[in-house]
Amino acid sequence: MNSTEIHFSILGDSFSTFEGYVYPDSNDVWYCLPPYNNINVTQVEQMWWHKMASAMGWILDKNNSFSGSLICNFYGYNAGPYYCQHSFIRRMDNLGDPDVIFVFGGTNDVWSGAYFGEFVYSDWTESQLEQYRPALAYLFDNLKHLYPQAKPFFLIDNSLADFDYTGQVFVESVHTIARHYGIDCIDLHNIHKDWAHPNDEGQDDIASQVIEALRDDFNF
């Protein structure tokens, strides 16, 4: 496939949001003008996905990212019911018609203390979808069926493994579930941040690592 013909979509959280560039446009955003918390990301051209697309000649289809969202439907924290309405698994069917899907999340699952649960790969119950591992498997399973033409990638912020033991389990769980579904992970390291979010240098860190990871899969 010629790289200039590739359309990509994002299913993400605040790390990928920018005002005016999310779908639907009612999604909550983190990066905007003026910047939140003095983070020096004030233009959409600074976002990791915009830098990647510019370098590779790819076209954004849908950026369905929602600031604060979890992958699972965990209720047990402040504003839990609100974010449950906008979890990854509730938004996964609204990604357009992409050739490539980037799933970039899990940070809020770790920070909120969502339960990990067991590794469950079929017949999920509602209570299981409130837990991280079953919800991630449910997400991967559905992406395979909803977008059979698309190649999904899961972007992992490995700094979460330094957060505490919970972060280490998160990273290990992603790899285990991704292997089960044959989904590639892109492990991200040393992302520069301010206020726990990628700053301009951090957005560049993400973009450069994603581009390098994709070189073997695409001709560019």
N, C-alpha and C. Protein backbone atom coordinates (compact mmCIF):
# COMPACT_ATOMS: atom_id res chain seq x y z
N MET A 1 0.84 -1.19 0.00
CA MET A 1 0.00 0.00 0.00
C MET A 1 0.88 1.25 0.00
N ASN A 2 0.59 2.17 -0.87
CA ASN A 2 1.32 3.42 -0.92
C ASN A 2 1.01 4.24 0.32
N SER A 3 2.06 4.72 1.00
CA SER A 3 1.85 5.39 2.28
C SER A 3 0.99 6.64 2.15
N THR A 4 1.00 7.28 0.98
CA THR A 4 0.20 8.50 0.81
C THR A 4 -1.29 8.20 0.73
N GLU A 5 -1.66 6.94 0.61
CA GLU A 5 -3.07 6.57 0.53
C GLU A 5 -3.63 6.14 1.88
N ILE A 6 -2.83 6.14 2.91
CA ILE A 6 -3.24 5.59 4.18
C ILE A 6 -4.00 6.61 5.02
N HIS A 7 -5.20 6.21 5.44
CA HIS A 7 -6.00 6.99 6.37
C HIS A 7 -5.90 6.33 7.75
N PHE A 8 -5.72 7.14 8.77
CA PHE A 8 -5.60 6.58 10.13
C PHE A 8 -6.59 7.25 11.05
N SER A 9 -6.98 6.50 12.08
CA SER A 9 -7.85 7.04 13.13
C SER A 9 -7.21 6.78 14.48
N ILE A 10 -7.62 7.57 15.46
CA ILE A 10 -7.08 7.47 16.81
C ILE A 10 -8.23 7.25 17.79
N LEU A 11 -8.03 6.31 18.69
CA LEU A 11 -8.92 6.13 19.83
C LEU A 11 -8.07 6.42 21.06
N GLY A 12 -8.27 7.59 21.67
CA GLY A 12 -7.33 7.99 22.70
C GLY A 12 -7.93 8.80 23.84
N ASP A 13 -7.01 9.35 24.64
CA ASP A 13 -7.38 10.19 25.77
C ASP A 13 -6.76 11.57 25.59
N SER A 14 -6.46 12.26 26.68
CA SER A 14 -5.99 13.65 26.59
C SER A 14 -4.69 13.79 25.82
N PHE A 15 -3.84 12.78 25.82
CA PHE A 15 -2.56 12.86 25.13
C PHE A 15 -2.72 13.15 23.64
N SER A 16 -3.88 12.84 23.09
CA SER A 16 -4.10 12.97 21.64
C SER A 16 -5.14 14.02 21.28
N THR A 17 -5.72 14.69 22.28
CA THR A 17 -6.76 15.69 21.98
C THR A 17 -6.16 17.04 21.63
N PHE A 18 -6.86 17.74 20.76
CA PHE A 18 -6.57 19.15 20.52
C PHE A 18 -7.86 19.82 20.08
N GLU A 19 -8.11 20.99 20.64
CA GLU A 19 -9.36 21.70 20.38
C GLU A 19 -9.57 21.90 18.88
N GLY A 20 -10.76 21.48 18.42
CA GLY A 20 -11.10 21.61 17.01
C GLY A 20 -10.66 20.44 16.17
N TYR A 21 -9.98 19.46 16.77
CA TYR A 21 -9.45 18.33 16.01
C TYR A 21 -9.80 17.01 16.67
N VAL A 22 -10.97 16.94 17.29
CA VAL A 22 -11.47 15.68 17.82
C VAL A 22 -12.82 15.39 17.19
N TYR A 23 -13.17 14.12 17.20
CA TYR A 23 -14.45 13.69 16.61
C TYR A 23 -15.11 12.69 17.55
N PRO A 24 -16.35 12.98 17.95
CA PRO A 24 -17.11 14.19 17.63
C PRO A 24 -16.53 15.41 18.34
N ASP A 25 -16.92 16.60 17.87
CA ASP A 25 -16.31 17.81 18.40
C ASP A 25 -16.78 18.16 19.80
N SER A 26 -17.71 17.38 20.35
CA SER A 26 -18.14 17.56 21.73
C SER A 26 -17.22 16.87 22.72
N ASN A 27 -16.26 16.08 22.24
CA ASN A 27 -15.32 15.41 23.13
C ASN A 27 -14.52 16.42 23.96
N ASP A 28 -14.26 16.09 25.22
CA ASP A 28 -13.44 16.94 26.06
C ASP A 28 -11.99 16.93 25.57
N VAL A 29 -11.33 18.08 25.63
CA VAL A 29 -9.94 18.18 25.16
C VAL A 29 -9.05 18.69 26.28
N TRP A 30 -7.75 18.47 26.12
CA TRP A 30 -6.75 18.98 27.05
C TRP A 30 -5.95 20.11 26.40
N TYR A 31 -5.41 19.84 25.21
CA TYR A 31 -4.59 20.84 24.53
C TYR A 31 -5.48 21.80 23.75
N CYS A 32 -5.24 23.08 23.93
CA CYS A 32 -6.05 24.08 23.24
C CYS A 32 -5.35 25.43 23.35
N LEU A 33 -5.97 26.45 22.80
CA LEU A 33 -5.52 27.83 22.95
C LEU A 33 -6.47 28.57 23.88
N PRO A 34 -6.05 29.23 24.94
CA PRO A 34 -4.68 29.19 25.45
C PRO A 34 -4.39 27.84 26.09
N PRO A 35 -3.13 27.47 26.26
CA PRO A 35 -2.81 26.11 26.75
C PRO A 35 -3.21 25.93 28.21
N TYR A 36 -3.65 24.71 28.53
CA TYR A 36 -3.90 24.37 29.92
C TYR A 36 -2.58 24.27 30.67
N ASN A 37 -2.56 24.74 31.90
CA ASN A 37 -1.44 24.51 32.81
C ASN A 37 -0.09 24.90 32.23
N ASN A 38 -0.08 25.91 31.37
CA ASN A 38 1.18 26.43 30.82
C ASN A 38 1.99 25.40 30.04
N ILE A 39 1.35 24.35 29.52
CA ILE A 39 2.06 23.41 28.66
C ILE A 39 2.29 24.09 27.31
N ASN A 40 3.48 23.92 26.77
CA ASN A 40 3.86 24.67 25.56
C ASN A 40 3.43 24.00 24.27
N VAL A 41 2.25 23.38 24.29
CA VAL A 41 1.66 22.83 23.07
C VAL A 41 0.45 23.70 22.76
N THR A 42 0.59 24.59 21.80
CA THR A 42 -0.46 25.58 21.51
C THR A 42 -0.93 25.54 20.07
N GLN A 43 -0.33 24.69 19.26
CA GLN A 43 -0.71 24.57 17.85
C GLN A 43 -0.89 23.10 17.52
N VAL A 44 -1.87 22.79 16.70
CA VAL A 44 -2.13 21.40 16.36
C VAL A 44 -0.94 20.75 15.68
N GLU A 45 -0.12 21.55 15.01
CA GLU A 45 1.06 21.01 14.32
C GLU A 45 2.07 20.40 15.30
N GLN A 46 1.91 20.71 16.59
CA GLN A 46 2.81 20.16 17.60
C GLN A 46 2.38 18.79 18.09
N MET A 47 1.17 18.38 17.77
CA MET A 47 0.67 17.09 18.26
C MET A 47 1.40 15.93 17.60
N TRP A 48 1.58 14.85 18.35
CA TRP A 48 2.34 13.70 17.85
C TRP A 48 1.76 13.15 16.55
N TRP A 49 0.45 13.08 16.49
CA TRP A 49 -0.17 12.47 15.32
C TRP A 49 -0.08 13.39 14.09
N HIS A 50 -0.09 14.69 14.32
CA HIS A 50 0.07 15.62 13.20
C HIS A 50 1.50 15.56 12.66
N LYS A 51 2.48 15.49 13.55
CA LYS A 51 3.88 15.37 13.13
C LYS A 51 4.10 14.06 12.38
N MET A 52 3.51 12.98 12.87
CA MET A 52 3.64 11.69 12.21
C MET A 52 3.01 11.72 10.82
N ALA A 53 1.79 12.27 10.73
CA ALA A 53 1.10 12.31 9.45
C ALA A 53 1.85 13.16 8.44
N SER A 54 2.40 14.26 8.89
CA SER A 54 3.16 15.14 7.99
C SER A 54 4.40 14.44 7.47
N ALA A 55 5.07 13.70 8.33
CA ALA A 55 6.30 13.01 7.94
C ALA A 55 6.03 11.85 6.99
N MET A 56 4.87 11.20 7.15
CA MET A 56 4.59 9.98 6.41
C MET A 56 3.61 10.18 5.26
N GLY A 57 3.02 11.35 5.18
CA GLY A 57 2.06 11.58 4.12
C GLY A 57 0.73 10.88 4.36
N TRP A 58 0.41 10.62 5.61
CA TRP A 58 -0.85 9.96 5.95
C TRP A 58 -1.95 10.99 6.17
N ILE A 59 -3.20 10.52 6.17
CA ILE A 59 -4.36 11.39 6.28
C ILE A 59 -5.18 10.98 7.49
N LEU A 60 -5.48 11.94 8.38
CA LEU A 60 -6.30 11.65 9.55
C LEU A 60 -7.75 11.44 9.13
N ASP A 61 -8.32 10.33 9.54
CA ASP A 61 -9.74 10.07 9.31
C ASP A 61 -10.54 10.60 10.50
N LYS A 62 -10.44 9.95 11.65
CA LYS A 62 -11.14 10.40 12.84
C LYS A 62 -10.19 10.36 14.05
N ASN A 63 -10.21 11.41 14.84
CA ASN A 63 -9.48 11.44 16.10
C ASN A 63 -10.51 11.41 17.23
N ASN A 64 -10.92 10.20 17.59
CA ASN A 64 -11.93 10.05 18.64
C ASN A 64 -11.21 9.90 19.98
N SER A 65 -10.63 11.00 20.43
CA SER A 65 -9.95 11.04 21.72
C SER A 65 -10.76 11.90 22.68
N PHE A 66 -10.74 11.51 23.95
CA PHE A 66 -11.56 12.18 24.96
C PHE A 66 -10.74 12.31 26.23
N SER A 67 -10.48 13.54 26.63
CA SER A 67 -9.63 13.78 27.79
C SER A 67 -10.24 13.19 29.06
N GLY A 68 -9.42 12.46 29.81
CA GLY A 68 -9.87 11.86 31.06
C GLY A 68 -10.46 10.48 30.93
N SER A 69 -10.61 9.99 29.71
CA SER A 69 -11.32 8.73 29.51
C SER A 69 -10.46 7.51 29.85
N LEU A 70 -11.13 6.49 30.32
CA LEU A 70 -10.52 5.19 30.61
C LEU A 70 -10.87 4.22 29.50
N ILE A 71 -10.12 3.15 29.41
CA ILE A 71 -10.48 2.08 28.48
C ILE A 71 -11.69 1.34 29.00
N CYS A 72 -11.74 1.08 30.30
CA CYS A 72 -12.84 0.30 30.87
C CYS A 72 -13.92 1.23 31.43
N ASN A 73 -15.02 0.62 31.88
CA ASN A 73 -16.15 1.37 32.41
C ASN A 73 -16.09 1.45 33.94
N PHE A 74 -14.94 1.81 34.48
CA PHE A 74 -14.75 1.86 35.92
C PHE A 74 -15.48 3.05 36.53
N TYR A 75 -16.29 2.77 37.56
CA TYR A 75 -17.09 3.81 38.19
C TYR A 75 -16.48 4.35 39.48
N GLY A 76 -15.50 3.65 40.02
CA GLY A 76 -15.09 3.89 41.39
C GLY A 76 -14.15 5.04 41.64
N TYR A 77 -14.34 6.17 41.04
CA TYR A 77 -13.52 7.34 41.34
C TYR A 77 -14.32 8.60 41.02
N ASN A 78 -13.78 9.75 41.37
CA ASN A 78 -14.48 11.02 41.15
C ASN A 78 -14.87 11.19 39.69
N ALA A 79 -16.11 11.54 39.44
CA ALA A 79 -16.65 11.71 38.08
C ALA A 79 -16.66 10.41 37.29
N GLY A 80 -16.61 9.29 37.98
CA GLY A 80 -16.61 8.00 37.29
C GLY A 80 -17.76 7.79 36.33
N PRO A 81 -19.02 8.05 36.75
CA PRO A 81 -20.13 7.85 35.82
C PRO A 81 -20.00 8.69 34.55
N TYR A 82 -19.46 9.91 34.69
CA TYR A 82 -19.29 10.76 33.51
C TYR A 82 -18.31 10.14 32.53
N TYR A 83 -17.16 9.71 33.03
CA TYR A 83 -16.15 9.15 32.14
C TYR A 83 -16.54 7.77 31.62
N CYS A 84 -17.35 7.05 32.38
CA CYS A 84 -17.82 5.75 31.88
C CYS A 84 -18.63 5.90 30.60
N GLN A 85 -19.34 7.00 30.48
CA GLN A 85 -20.12 7.25 29.26
C GLN A 85 -19.21 7.42 28.05
N HIS A 86 -17.96 7.77 28.30
CA HIS A 86 -17.04 8.09 27.21
C HIS A 86 -15.81 7.20 27.21
N SER A 87 -15.94 6.01 27.77
CA SER A 87 -14.82 5.07 27.81
C SER A 87 -14.42 4.67 26.38
N PHE A 88 -13.25 4.10 26.27
CA PHE A 88 -12.79 3.63 24.95
C PHE A 88 -13.76 2.62 24.35
N ILE A 89 -14.27 1.71 25.20
CA ILE A 89 -15.13 0.66 24.65
C ILE A 89 -16.51 1.19 24.28
N ARG A 90 -16.87 2.39 24.73
CA ARG A 90 -18.13 3.00 24.31
C ARG A 90 -17.94 3.87 23.07
N ARG A 91 -16.70 4.16 22.71
CA ARG A 91 -16.42 5.02 21.55
C ARG A 91 -15.78 4.27 20.38
N MET A 92 -15.51 3.00 20.57
CA MET A 92 -14.71 2.25 19.59
C MET A 92 -15.42 2.04 18.25
N ASP A 93 -16.73 2.22 18.22
CA ASP A 93 -17.47 2.00 16.97
C ASP A 93 -17.63 3.28 16.15
N ASN A 94 -16.86 4.32 16.51
CA ASN A 94 -17.01 5.61 15.84
C ASN A 94 -15.63 6.13 15.40
N LEU A 95 -14.99 5.34 14.55
CA LEU A 95 -13.63 5.67 14.10
C LEU A 95 -13.54 5.88 12.59
N GLY A 96 -14.65 5.93 11.91
CA GLY A 96 -14.63 6.16 10.47
C GLY A 96 -14.28 4.90 9.69
N ASP A 97 -13.48 5.08 8.65
CA ASP A 97 -13.11 3.97 7.76
C ASP A 97 -11.59 3.98 7.56
N PRO A 98 -10.84 3.71 8.62
CA PRO A 98 -9.38 3.87 8.55
C PRO A 98 -8.67 2.63 8.02
N ASP A 99 -7.46 2.84 7.54
CA ASP A 99 -6.55 1.74 7.21
C ASP A 99 -5.71 1.34 8.41
N VAL A 100 -5.46 2.30 9.30
CA VAL A 100 -4.67 2.08 10.50
C VAL A 100 -5.39 2.71 11.68
N ILE A 101 -5.38 2.01 12.82
CA ILE A 101 -5.98 2.53 14.04
C ILE A 101 -4.90 2.59 15.12
N PHE A 102 -4.76 3.75 15.75
CA PHE A 102 -3.88 3.89 16.90
C PHE A 102 -4.74 3.98 18.16
N VAL A 103 -4.55 3.03 19.06
CA VAL A 103 -5.18 3.08 20.37
C VAL A 103 -4.12 3.57 21.34
N PHE A 104 -4.37 4.69 21.99
CA PHE A 104 -3.39 5.30 22.87
C PHE A 104 -4.09 5.68 24.16
N GLY A 105 -3.97 4.83 25.18
CA GLY A 105 -4.67 5.09 26.43
C GLY A 105 -4.22 4.14 27.52
N GLY A 106 -4.97 4.14 28.60
CA GLY A 106 -4.65 3.32 29.76
C GLY A 106 -4.11 4.13 30.93
N THR A 107 -3.60 5.32 30.65
CA THR A 107 -3.07 6.16 31.72
C THR A 107 -4.13 6.43 32.79
N ASN A 108 -5.33 6.76 32.36
CA ASN A 108 -6.38 7.09 33.32
C ASN A 108 -6.89 5.85 34.06
N ASP A 109 -6.78 4.69 33.43
CA ASP A 109 -7.13 3.45 34.13
C ASP A 109 -6.18 3.24 35.30
N VAL A 110 -4.88 3.51 35.06
CA VAL A 110 -3.88 3.34 36.12
C VAL A 110 -4.07 4.39 37.21
N TRP A 111 -4.20 5.65 36.81
CA TRP A 111 -4.29 6.73 37.80
C TRP A 111 -5.56 6.65 38.65
N SER A 112 -6.63 6.15 38.06
CA SER A 112 -7.90 6.11 38.79
C SER A 112 -8.00 4.89 39.71
N GLY A 113 -7.07 3.95 39.57
CA GLY A 113 -7.13 2.75 40.39
C GLY A 113 -8.14 1.74 39.91
N ALA A 114 -8.41 1.71 38.62
CA ALA A 114 -9.35 0.72 38.07
C ALA A 114 -8.85 -0.69 38.37
N TYR A 115 -9.77 -1.59 38.63
CA TYR A 115 -9.41 -2.97 38.92
C TYR A 115 -8.92 -3.65 37.64
N PHE A 116 -7.92 -4.50 37.78
CA PHE A 116 -7.40 -5.18 36.61
C PHE A 116 -8.30 -6.31 36.15
N GLY A 117 -8.82 -7.10 37.07
CA GLY A 117 -9.65 -8.24 36.68
C GLY A 117 -8.82 -9.36 36.10
N GLU A 118 -9.51 -10.35 35.56
CA GLU A 118 -8.85 -11.51 34.96
C GLU A 118 -8.71 -11.32 33.45
N PHE A 119 -7.93 -12.21 32.85
CA PHE A 119 -7.84 -12.23 31.39
C PHE A 119 -9.06 -12.98 30.85
N VAL A 120 -9.99 -12.25 30.26
CA VAL A 120 -11.23 -12.82 29.74
C VAL A 120 -11.32 -12.49 28.26
N TYR A 121 -11.53 -13.52 27.42
CA TYR A 121 -11.47 -13.32 25.98
C TYR A 121 -12.79 -13.60 25.25
N SER A 122 -13.84 -13.79 26.00
CA SER A 122 -15.16 -13.99 25.36
C SER A 122 -16.25 -13.89 26.42
N ASP A 123 -17.47 -13.71 25.95
CA ASP A 123 -18.65 -13.73 26.83
C ASP A 123 -18.50 -12.77 28.01
N TRP A 124 -18.13 -11.54 27.72
CA TRP A 124 -17.89 -10.55 28.77
C TRP A 124 -19.19 -10.12 29.43
N THR A 125 -19.17 -9.96 30.73
CA THR A 125 -20.30 -9.43 31.47
C THR A 125 -20.10 -7.93 31.69
N GLU A 126 -21.17 -7.23 32.03
CA GLU A 126 -21.06 -5.80 32.28
C GLU A 126 -20.10 -5.50 33.43
N SER A 127 -20.13 -6.32 34.46
CA SER A 127 -19.23 -6.09 35.58
C SER A 127 -17.78 -6.31 35.17
N GLN A 128 -17.53 -7.26 34.28
CA GLN A 128 -16.16 -7.48 33.81
C GLN A 128 -15.66 -6.30 32.98
N LEU A 129 -16.56 -5.65 32.26
CA LEU A 129 -16.16 -4.51 31.44
C LEU A 129 -15.87 -3.26 32.27
N GLU A 130 -16.10 -3.35 33.57
CA GLU A 130 -15.67 -2.29 34.48
C GLU A 130 -14.22 -2.49 34.92
N GLN A 131 -13.60 -3.57 34.45
CA GLN A 131 -12.23 -3.92 34.83
C GLN A 131 -11.33 -3.83 33.60
N TYR A 132 -10.07 -3.52 33.85
CA TYR A 132 -9.18 -3.18 32.74
C TYR A 132 -8.89 -4.34 31.78
N ARG A 133 -8.47 -5.47 32.29
CA ARG A 133 -8.08 -6.56 31.38
C ARG A 133 -9.24 -7.05 30.51
N PRO A 134 -10.39 -7.37 31.10
CA PRO A 134 -11.50 -7.80 30.23
C PRO A 134 -11.90 -6.73 29.23
N ALA A 135 -11.89 -5.45 29.66
CA ALA A 135 -12.30 -4.37 28.75
C ALA A 135 -11.32 -4.23 27.59
N LEU A 136 -10.03 -4.37 27.86
CA LEU A 136 -9.04 -4.26 26.78
C LEU A 136 -9.21 -5.40 25.78
N ALA A 137 -9.45 -6.61 26.28
CA ALA A 137 -9.70 -7.74 25.39
C ALA A 137 -10.96 -7.50 24.56
N TYR A 138 -11.98 -7.00 25.20
CA TYR A 138 -13.24 -6.67 24.51
C TYR A 138 -12.99 -5.64 23.42
N LEU A 139 -12.17 -4.64 23.73
CA LEU A 139 -11.83 -3.61 22.76
C LEU A 139 -11.11 -4.20 21.56
N PHE A 140 -10.08 -4.99 21.80
CA PHE A 140 -9.33 -5.58 20.69
C PHE A 140 -10.20 -6.51 19.85
N ASP A 141 -11.01 -7.31 20.51
CA ASP A 141 -11.88 -8.24 19.80
C ASP A 141 -12.83 -7.47 18.88
N ASN A 142 -13.40 -6.40 19.39
CA ASN A 142 -14.36 -5.63 18.60
C ASN A 142 -13.69 -4.85 17.47
N LEU A 143 -12.49 -4.33 17.72
CA LEU A 143 -11.79 -3.62 16.64
C LEU A 143 -11.54 -4.55 15.46
N LYS A 144 -11.21 -5.79 15.77
CA LYS A 144 -10.97 -6.77 14.70
C LYS A 144 -12.22 -7.00 13.85
N HIS A 145 -13.39 -6.98 14.50
CA HIS A 145 -14.64 -7.23 13.78
C HIS A 145 -15.22 -5.97 13.15
N LEU A 146 -15.08 -4.85 13.83
CA LEU A 146 -15.63 -3.60 13.32
C LEU A 146 -14.83 -3.05 12.14
N TYR A 147 -13.51 -3.28 12.16
CA TYR A 147 -12.63 -2.71 11.14
C TYR A 147 -11.70 -3.80 10.59
N PRO A 148 -12.26 -4.80 9.91
CA PRO A 148 -11.44 -5.92 9.44
C PRO A 148 -10.36 -5.50 8.45
N GLN A 149 -10.55 -4.34 7.80
CA GLN A 149 -9.58 -3.87 6.82
C GLN A 149 -8.45 -3.08 7.47
N ALA A 150 -8.57 -2.75 8.74
CA ALA A 150 -7.60 -1.86 9.40
C ALA A 150 -6.57 -2.64 10.20
N LYS A 151 -5.38 -2.05 10.31
CA LYS A 151 -4.33 -2.62 11.16
C LYS A 151 -4.25 -1.78 12.43
N PRO A 152 -4.57 -2.39 13.58
CA PRO A 152 -4.52 -1.62 14.83
C PRO A 152 -3.16 -1.71 15.50
N PHE A 153 -2.80 -0.63 16.18
CA PHE A 153 -1.60 -0.57 17.01
C PHE A 153 -1.99 -0.01 18.37
N PHE A 154 -1.39 -0.55 19.41
CA PHE A 154 -1.60 0.00 20.76
C PHE A 154 -0.32 0.71 21.18
N LEU A 155 -0.43 2.00 21.50
CA LEU A 155 0.71 2.79 21.95
C LEU A 155 0.77 2.72 23.47
N ILE A 156 1.92 2.29 24.00
CA ILE A 156 2.09 2.12 25.44
C ILE A 156 3.05 3.16 25.98
N ASP A 157 2.59 3.94 26.93
CA ASP A 157 3.47 4.86 27.64
C ASP A 157 4.15 4.07 28.75
N ASN A 158 5.39 3.63 28.49
CA ASN A 158 6.08 2.77 29.44
C ASN A 158 6.50 3.49 30.72
N SER A 159 6.35 4.80 30.77
CA SER A 159 6.65 5.50 32.03
C SER A 159 5.68 5.08 33.12
N LEU A 160 4.53 4.53 32.72
CA LEU A 160 3.57 4.05 33.71
C LEU A 160 4.16 2.92 34.55
N ALA A 161 5.10 2.18 33.97
CA ALA A 161 5.73 1.10 34.72
C ALA A 161 6.59 1.64 35.85
N ASP A 162 6.97 2.92 35.76
CA ASP A 162 7.73 3.56 36.83
C ASP A 162 6.83 4.20 37.87
N PHE A 163 5.54 4.26 37.58
CA PHE A 163 4.57 4.92 38.46
C PHE A 163 4.46 4.14 39.77
N ASP A 164 4.19 2.86 39.66
CA ASP A 164 4.16 1.95 40.79
C ASP A 164 3.92 0.55 40.24
N TYR A 165 3.69 -0.39 41.13
CA TYR A 165 3.46 -1.77 40.70
C TYR A 165 2.25 -1.87 39.77
N THR A 166 1.25 -1.03 40.01
CA THR A 166 0.06 -1.03 39.16
C THR A 166 0.44 -0.74 37.71
N GLY A 167 1.32 0.23 37.51
CA GLY A 167 1.76 0.56 36.17
C GLY A 167 2.50 -0.57 35.51
N GLN A 168 3.30 -1.30 36.28
CA GLN A 168 4.01 -2.44 35.73
C GLN A 168 3.04 -3.52 35.26
N VAL A 169 2.02 -3.77 36.06
CA VAL A 169 1.01 -4.77 35.69
C VAL A 169 0.25 -4.30 34.45
N PHE A 170 -0.01 -3.01 34.36
CA PHE A 170 -0.69 -2.46 33.19
C PHE A 170 0.09 -2.77 31.92
N VAL A 171 1.38 -2.47 31.91
CA VAL A 171 2.20 -2.69 30.73
C VAL A 171 2.25 -4.18 30.37
N GLU A 172 2.45 -5.01 31.37
CA GLU A 172 2.50 -6.46 31.12
C GLU A 172 1.16 -6.97 30.60
N SER A 173 0.07 -6.45 31.11
CA SER A 173 -1.26 -6.90 30.68
C SER A 173 -1.53 -6.53 29.23
N VAL A 174 -1.13 -5.31 28.83
CA VAL A 174 -1.32 -4.89 27.44
C VAL A 174 -0.61 -5.86 26.51
N HIS A 175 0.63 -6.18 26.80
CA HIS A 175 1.38 -7.09 25.93
C HIS A 175 0.74 -8.47 25.86
N THR A 176 0.28 -8.96 27.00
CA THR A 176 -0.34 -10.29 27.03
C THR A 176 -1.60 -10.33 26.17
N ILE A 177 -2.47 -9.35 26.33
CA ILE A 177 -3.74 -9.33 25.59
C ILE A 177 -3.49 -9.03 24.11
N ALA A 178 -2.55 -8.15 23.81
CA ALA A 178 -2.24 -7.84 22.41
C ALA A 178 -1.71 -9.07 21.69
N ARG A 179 -0.86 -9.85 22.36
CA ARG A 179 -0.35 -11.09 21.74
C ARG A 179 -1.50 -12.04 21.42
N HIS A 180 -2.47 -12.12 22.31
CA HIS A 180 -3.60 -13.02 22.08
C HIS A 180 -4.34 -12.67 20.80
N TYR A 181 -4.45 -11.37 20.50
CA TYR A 181 -5.20 -10.92 19.32
C TYR A 181 -4.30 -10.61 18.12
N GLY A 182 -3.01 -10.81 18.27
CA GLY A 182 -2.10 -10.52 17.16
C GLY A 182 -2.02 -9.04 16.83
N ILE A 183 -2.13 -8.20 17.85
CA ILE A 183 -2.06 -6.75 17.68
C ILE A 183 -0.70 -6.25 18.10
N ASP A 184 -0.10 -5.42 17.27
CA ASP A 184 1.23 -4.89 17.56
C ASP A 184 1.16 -3.76 18.58
N CYS A 185 2.13 -3.76 19.49
CA CYS A 185 2.29 -2.68 20.45
C CYS A 185 3.48 -1.81 20.04
N ILE A 186 3.37 -0.53 20.28
CA ILE A 186 4.49 0.40 20.10
C ILE A 186 4.83 0.92 21.49
N ASP A 187 5.97 0.48 22.00
CA ASP A 187 6.40 0.85 23.34
C ASP A 187 7.11 2.19 23.30
N LEU A 188 6.56 3.15 24.02
CA LEU A 188 7.09 4.51 24.05
C LEU A 188 7.88 4.73 25.34
N HIS A 189 9.05 5.36 25.20
CA HIS A 189 9.93 5.57 26.35
C HIS A 189 10.37 7.02 26.42
N ASN A 190 10.64 7.47 27.65
CA ASN A 190 11.28 8.78 27.88
C ASN A 190 10.51 9.92 27.22
N ILE A 191 9.21 9.97 27.47
CA ILE A 191 8.37 11.06 26.94
C ILE A 191 8.48 12.25 27.88
N HIS A 192 8.93 13.37 27.37
CA HIS A 192 9.03 14.58 28.18
C HIS A 192 7.64 15.13 28.48
N LYS A 193 7.40 15.50 29.73
CA LYS A 193 6.06 15.93 30.14
C LYS A 193 6.12 17.12 31.07
N ASP A 194 5.04 17.87 31.08
CA ASP A 194 4.75 18.87 32.09
C ASP A 194 3.33 18.62 32.57
N TRP A 195 3.12 18.68 33.87
CA TRP A 195 1.79 18.43 34.41
C TRP A 195 1.24 17.08 33.93
N ALA A 196 2.15 16.09 33.88
CA ALA A 196 1.80 14.70 33.53
C ALA A 196 1.33 14.53 32.09
N HIS A 197 1.55 15.54 31.24
CA HIS A 197 1.15 15.46 29.84
C HIS A 197 2.34 15.78 28.94
N PRO A 198 2.40 15.16 27.78
CA PRO A 198 3.51 15.45 26.86
C PRO A 198 3.57 16.93 26.50
N ASN A 199 4.72 17.53 26.70
CA ASN A 199 4.93 18.90 26.23
C ASN A 199 5.36 18.85 24.77
N ASP A 200 5.84 19.97 24.23
CA ASP A 200 6.22 19.98 22.82
C ASP A 200 7.29 18.93 22.53
N GLU A 201 8.30 18.85 23.39
CA GLU A 201 9.35 17.85 23.20
C GLU A 201 8.78 16.45 23.35
N GLY A 202 7.85 16.28 24.28
CA GLY A 202 7.23 14.97 24.48
C GLY A 202 6.40 14.53 23.29
N GLN A 203 5.67 15.47 22.68
CA GLN A 203 4.91 15.13 21.48
C GLN A 203 5.85 14.68 20.37
N ASP A 204 7.00 15.34 20.29
CA ASP A 204 8.00 14.94 19.30
C ASP A 204 8.58 13.58 19.63
N ASP A 205 8.78 13.29 20.93
CA ASP A 205 9.24 11.97 21.35
C ASP A 205 8.30 10.88 20.86
N ILE A 206 7.01 11.11 21.04
CA ILE A 206 6.02 10.12 20.62
C ILE A 206 6.05 9.96 19.11
N ALA A 207 6.01 11.06 18.38
CA ALA A 207 5.97 11.00 16.92
C ALA A 207 7.16 10.25 16.36
N SER A 208 8.35 10.58 16.84
CA SER A 208 9.55 9.95 16.29
C SER A 208 9.59 8.46 16.58
N GLN A 209 9.14 8.05 17.77
CA GLN A 209 9.14 6.63 18.10
C GLN A 209 8.08 5.86 17.32
N VAL A 210 6.92 6.48 17.10
CA VAL A 210 5.89 5.83 16.29
C VAL A 210 6.37 5.67 14.85
N ILE A 211 6.96 6.71 14.29
CA ILE A 211 7.46 6.64 12.92
C ILE A 211 8.49 5.54 12.79
N GLU A 212 9.42 5.47 13.73
CA GLU A 212 10.46 4.44 13.66
C GLU A 212 9.86 3.04 13.76
N ALA A 213 8.85 2.87 14.61
CA ALA A 213 8.24 1.55 14.78
C ALA A 213 7.48 1.10 13.54
N LEU A 214 7.00 2.05 12.74
CA LEU A 214 6.19 1.71 11.57
C LEU A 214 7.01 1.48 10.30
N ARG A 215 8.29 1.76 10.35
CA ARG A 215 9.10 1.67 9.13
C ARG A 215 9.09 0.29 8.50
N ASP A 216 9.06 -0.75 9.33
CA ASP A 216 9.08 -2.11 8.80
C ASP A 216 7.75 -2.57 8.23
N ASP A 217 6.67 -1.87 8.61
CA ASP A 217 5.33 -2.26 8.16
C ASP A 217 4.86 -1.51 6.93
N PHE A 218 5.43 -0.32 6.70
CA PHE A 218 4.97 0.53 5.61
C PHE A 218 6.16 1.07 4.84
N ASN A 219 5.93 1.31 3.57
CA ASN A 219 7.00 1.83 2.72
C ASN A 219 6.99 3.35 2.71
N PHE A 220 7.88 3.95 3.47
CA PHE A 220 8.01 5.40 3.48
C PHE A 220 9.44 5.75 3.86
